[in-house]
Amino acid sequence: MSQKKVHPDAASALHDVFTGATIMSGGFGLCGNAENCIAELARKDIRDLTIISNNCGNAGQGLAILLKQRKVARVVGSYIGGNPDLQQQYLAGELEVELTPQGTLAERIRAGGAGLGGFFTPTGVGTVVAEGKEERIIDGRRYIFETPLKADFAIIRAEVGDPFGNLRFYGTARNFSPHMAMAAKVAVVEVDALVPLGELGPDDIHLPGVFVQRIFQGRDYIDPIEYRTTRTRPDPAI
């Protein structure tokens, strides 16, 4: 059963992504992006995608590649700074954007994966975020109702995975990814290292493979913001 989850590459794992699909994408900024999956989506002849992501890429990289190709019709996220492609298309009326506070975005995704019908939160009360949403007073405090988020596909990247789909993430690159896998019909995972079943100890697993449908070994990563910075120690005599 586990071997059926393993695919040779992104093209195989994303073979059935279709025009109009809703796609959740893990990562924060350009950290922890599913680079192979994004490149494959850029290659495919699809359009009118709904992207659920923290910020849909940055500075022309990551998910912004899909924006530049005009493949995205709608974005649900929490931050558009540093993304001129998204800003320009939104201001030109070419793209629909739903801005959601970051914590609310994470909880909406979690609610989608947990099968919840939504939740009440005080975040955004009295702002444009609350427009058109149900409001209640709970224990004397104003709350607005937020709906869950779900997707057809989730594209996420993990540091280590096994053939069953058990995953371990690298540091904060975990962020939204586990909940996105739970909230999507098909979770597609690319891993830096695909290891044999049993190599990951139970306490090392951040997401059980039951939530993963497809997995493959990633390759040729760019990791544009992950670089080493060094400096020369100044001469005390100067």
Protein backbone atom coordinates (compact mmCIF):
# COMPACT_ATOMS: atom_id res chain seq x y z
CA MET A 1 0.00 0.00 0.00
CA SER A 2 2.76 2.45 0.95
CA GLN A 3 4.63 1.93 -2.33
CA LYS A 4 1.58 3.19 -4.23
CA LYS A 5 2.13 6.56 -2.60
CA VAL A 6 5.66 6.92 -3.95
CA HIS A 7 5.96 8.70 -7.30
CA PRO A 8 9.08 9.21 -9.42
CA ASP A 9 8.71 12.97 -9.74
CA ALA A 10 6.42 16.00 -9.51
CA ALA A 11 4.91 15.39 -12.96
CA SER A 12 3.63 12.00 -11.87
CA ALA A 13 2.45 13.17 -8.46
CA LEU A 14 0.53 16.13 -9.94
CA HIS A 15 -0.76 14.41 -13.07
CA ASP A 16 -4.42 15.14 -12.34
CA VAL A 17 -4.29 18.81 -11.26
CA PHE A 18 -6.96 20.60 -13.27
CA THR A 19 -8.00 24.07 -14.35
CA GLY A 20 -9.94 25.76 -11.56
CA ALA A 21 -8.40 23.64 -8.80
CA THR A 22 -7.93 24.94 -5.26
CA ILE A 23 -4.37 24.39 -4.08
CA MET A 24 -2.91 24.87 -0.61
CA SER A 25 0.82 25.55 -0.61
CA GLY A 26 3.02 25.21 2.46
CA GLY A 27 6.00 27.37 3.27
CA PHE A 28 6.47 30.88 4.58
CA GLY A 29 7.72 33.47 2.13
CA LEU A 30 10.33 31.55 0.17
CA CYS A 31 11.17 29.21 3.05
CA GLY A 32 9.96 25.62 2.86
CA ASN A 33 8.41 25.99 -0.59
CA ALA A 34 7.55 22.89 -2.60
CA GLU A 35 9.83 24.03 -5.41
CA ASN A 36 9.44 20.94 -7.61
CA CYS A 37 5.65 21.05 -7.35
CA ILE A 38 5.51 24.76 -8.17
CA ALA A 39 7.74 24.22 -11.21
CA GLU A 40 5.45 21.43 -12.42
CA LEU A 41 2.33 23.58 -11.97
CA ALA A 42 4.08 26.27 -14.01
CA ARG A 43 4.74 23.72 -16.77
CA LYS A 44 1.19 22.36 -16.90
CA ASP A 45 -1.52 23.82 -19.15
CA ILE A 46 -3.86 24.89 -16.34
CA ARG A 47 -5.37 28.20 -15.22
CA ASP A 48 -7.94 29.84 -12.91
CA LEU A 49 -6.30 28.37 -9.82
CA THR A 50 -7.24 29.33 -6.28
CA ILE A 51 -4.10 29.45 -4.15
CA ILE A 52 -4.29 29.25 -0.36
CA SER A 53 -0.93 30.30 1.02
CA ASN A 54 0.55 32.74 3.48
CA ASN A 55 1.75 35.13 0.78
CA CYS A 56 1.74 33.46 -2.67
CA GLY A 57 5.44 33.87 -3.32
CA ASN A 58 7.80 36.78 -3.11
CA ALA A 59 9.83 38.95 -5.50
CA GLY A 60 8.90 36.90 -8.58
CA GLN A 61 9.88 33.59 -6.99
CA GLY A 62 8.00 30.68 -5.46
CA LEU A 63 4.27 30.82 -6.16
CA ALA A 64 4.77 34.21 -7.80
CA ILE A 65 5.91 32.23 -10.85
CA LEU A 66 2.29 31.13 -11.32
CA LEU A 67 1.12 34.72 -10.91
CA LYS A 68 3.49 35.88 -13.63
CA GLN A 69 2.02 33.22 -15.94
CA ARG A 70 -1.53 34.48 -15.17
CA LYS A 71 -2.56 31.04 -13.93
CA VAL A 72 -4.03 32.26 -10.63
CA ALA A 73 -7.57 33.64 -10.35
CA ARG A 74 -7.88 33.92 -6.57
CA VAL A 75 -5.55 34.07 -3.58
CA VAL A 76 -6.42 33.47 0.06
CA GLY A 77 -3.54 34.62 2.24
CA SER A 78 -2.37 36.94 4.97
CA TYR A 79 0.41 39.02 3.43
CA ILE A 80 1.06 40.58 0.02
CA GLY A 81 4.06 42.75 0.84
CA GLY A 82 7.13 42.00 -1.27
CA ASN A 83 4.95 40.51 -4.02
CA PRO A 84 4.59 43.13 -6.77
CA ASP A 85 3.03 40.63 -9.18
CA LEU A 86 0.15 39.98 -6.79
CA GLN A 87 -0.24 43.66 -5.97
CA GLN A 88 -0.33 44.74 -9.62
CA GLN A 89 -2.83 42.11 -10.69
CA TYR A 90 -5.07 42.83 -7.71
CA LEU A 91 -5.08 46.60 -8.31
CA ALA A 92 -5.79 45.98 -12.00
CA GLY A 93 -8.82 43.85 -11.13
CA GLU A 94 -7.26 40.73 -12.66
CA LEU A 95 -7.03 38.79 -9.42
CA GLU A 96 -9.32 38.25 -6.44
CA VAL A 97 -7.60 38.46 -3.05
CA GLU A 98 -9.02 37.45 0.32
CA LEU A 99 -6.79 38.80 3.07
CA THR A 100 -7.03 36.90 6.35
CA PRO A 101 -5.13 37.55 9.59
CA GLN A 102 -2.29 35.05 9.79
CA GLY A 103 -3.49 33.26 12.92
CA THR A 104 -7.01 33.11 11.51
CA LEU A 105 -5.65 31.66 8.26
CA ALA A 106 -3.85 28.90 10.17
CA GLU A 107 -6.95 28.12 12.23
CA ARG A 108 -9.24 28.09 9.17
CA ILE A 109 -6.95 25.52 7.56
CA ARG A 110 -6.84 23.49 10.77
CA ALA A 111 -10.63 23.61 10.99
CA GLY A 112 -10.88 22.34 7.42
CA GLY A 113 -8.63 19.40 8.22
CA ALA A 114 -10.39 18.63 11.50
CA GLY A 115 -13.84 18.58 9.93
CA LEU A 116 -15.09 21.58 11.89
CA GLY A 117 -17.79 23.89 10.57
CA GLY A 118 -15.93 27.03 11.57
CA PHE A 119 -15.11 29.04 14.69
CA PHE A 120 -15.59 32.39 16.39
CA THR A 121 -12.61 34.71 16.88
CA PRO A 122 -12.16 38.27 18.17
CA THR A 123 -9.47 38.93 15.56
CA GLY A 124 -10.68 41.40 12.95
CA VAL A 125 -13.76 42.60 14.82
CA GLY A 126 -14.67 46.14 13.76
CA THR A 127 -12.42 46.05 10.67
CA VAL A 128 -12.92 45.24 7.00
CA VAL A 129 -12.09 41.64 7.89
CA ALA A 130 -15.46 41.41 9.64
CA GLU A 131 -17.56 42.68 6.74
CA GLY A 132 -20.36 40.28 5.85
CA LYS A 133 -19.54 37.86 8.68
CA GLU A 134 -21.73 36.75 11.55
CA GLU A 135 -20.96 38.46 14.85
CA ARG A 136 -21.75 37.32 18.39
CA ILE A 137 -21.15 38.56 21.90
CA ILE A 138 -19.52 35.82 23.97
CA ASP A 139 -18.72 36.52 27.62
CA GLY A 140 -19.12 40.21 26.90
CA ARG A 141 -16.66 40.25 24.01
CA ARG A 142 -17.36 40.65 20.28
CA TYR A 143 -16.46 37.73 18.00
CA ILE A 144 -16.81 37.08 14.27
CA PHE A 145 -17.41 33.73 12.61
CA GLU A 146 -14.76 32.31 10.29
CA THR A 147 -15.35 29.41 7.91
CA PRO A 148 -12.96 26.48 7.35
CA LEU A 149 -10.66 26.24 4.35
CA LYS A 150 -10.29 23.09 2.24
CA ALA A 151 -8.54 22.30 -1.02
CA ASP A 152 -8.37 19.85 -3.89
CA PHE A 153 -4.59 19.54 -3.53
CA ALA A 154 -1.91 20.50 -1.03
CA ILE A 155 1.68 20.87 -2.19
CA ILE A 156 4.13 20.73 0.69
CA ARG A 157 7.80 20.09 1.31
CA ALA A 158 9.28 18.11 4.17
CA GLU A 159 12.85 17.40 5.18
CA VAL A 160 12.43 13.61 5.53
CA GLY A 161 9.68 11.21 4.54
CA ASP A 162 9.18 7.48 4.15
CA PRO A 163 7.16 5.45 1.61
CA PHE A 164 4.03 5.55 3.79
CA GLY A 165 4.17 9.34 3.90
CA ASN A 166 5.31 9.82 7.49
CA LEU A 167 7.03 13.20 7.57
CA ARG A 168 9.54 15.23 9.51
CA PHE A 169 9.90 18.92 8.73
CA TYR A 170 12.89 21.21 9.09
CA GLY A 171 12.46 23.82 11.82
CA THR A 172 9.83 26.47 11.20
CA ALA A 173 9.39 25.27 7.60
CA ARG A 174 6.73 23.05 9.16
CA ASN A 175 4.38 26.09 9.63
CA PHE A 176 1.05 25.54 7.81
CA SER A 177 2.05 22.30 6.08
CA PRO A 178 0.68 19.55 8.38
CA HIS A 179 -2.75 21.17 8.57
CA MET A 180 -2.78 21.78 4.83
CA ALA A 181 -2.15 18.08 4.23
CA MET A 182 -5.12 17.30 6.46
CA ALA A 183 -7.39 19.86 4.77
CA ALA A 184 -6.76 18.74 1.17
CA LYS A 185 -8.31 15.87 -0.74
CA VAL A 186 -4.86 14.99 -2.12
CA ALA A 187 -1.68 15.89 -0.24
CA VAL A 188 1.37 15.86 -2.49
CA VAL A 189 4.68 15.94 -0.64
CA GLU A 190 8.20 16.42 -1.93
CA VAL A 191 10.97 15.49 0.48
CA ASP A 192 14.65 16.36 0.71
CA ALA A 193 15.29 12.75 1.72
CA LEU A 194 13.07 9.72 1.08
CA VAL A 195 14.13 7.06 3.59
CA PRO A 196 13.10 3.42 4.05
CA LEU A 197 10.02 2.61 6.09
CA GLY A 198 10.93 2.31 9.76
CA GLU A 199 13.87 4.71 9.69
CA LEU A 200 11.80 7.53 11.18
CA GLY A 201 11.19 6.92 14.87
CA PRO A 202 7.65 7.48 16.18
CA ASP A 203 8.75 10.55 18.17
CA ASP A 204 10.43 12.06 15.09
CA ILE A 205 7.26 12.08 12.98
CA HIS A 206 5.58 15.48 12.70
CA LEU A 207 2.78 14.29 10.39
CA PRO A 208 1.56 10.68 10.13
CA GLY A 209 1.42 9.20 6.65
CA VAL A 210 -2.33 8.61 6.87
CA PHE A 211 -2.74 12.25 5.80
CA VAL A 212 -0.43 11.94 2.78
CA GLN A 213 -1.58 10.51 -0.55
CA ARG A 214 1.53 11.03 -2.73
CA ILE A 215 5.22 11.51 -2.03
CA PHE A 216 8.37 11.85 -4.11
CA GLN A 217 12.06 12.66 -3.78
CA GLY A 218 12.65 16.35 -4.53
CA ARG A 219 15.70 17.55 -6.42
CA ASP A 220 17.62 20.60 -7.64
CA TYR A 221 16.50 22.91 -4.85
CA ILE A 222 17.33 26.62 -5.09
CA ASP A 223 16.37 27.67 -1.54
CA PRO A 224 16.82 31.36 -2.46
CA ILE A 225 16.79 32.77 1.09
CA GLU A 226 18.87 30.08 2.73
CA TYR A 227 22.49 31.12 2.46
CA ARG A 228 25.47 31.48 4.75
CA THR A 229 26.67 34.95 5.67
CA THR A 230 30.18 35.43 7.04
CA ARG A 231 32.26 38.42 7.98
CA THR A 232 35.92 39.06 8.73
CA ARG A 233 36.71 39.81 12.33
CA PRO A 234 37.96 43.43 12.52
CA ASP A 235 41.58 44.03 13.46
CA PRO A 236 41.59 45.48 17.01
CA ALA A 237 44.69 47.50 16.11
CA ILE A 238 42.80 49.51 13.50
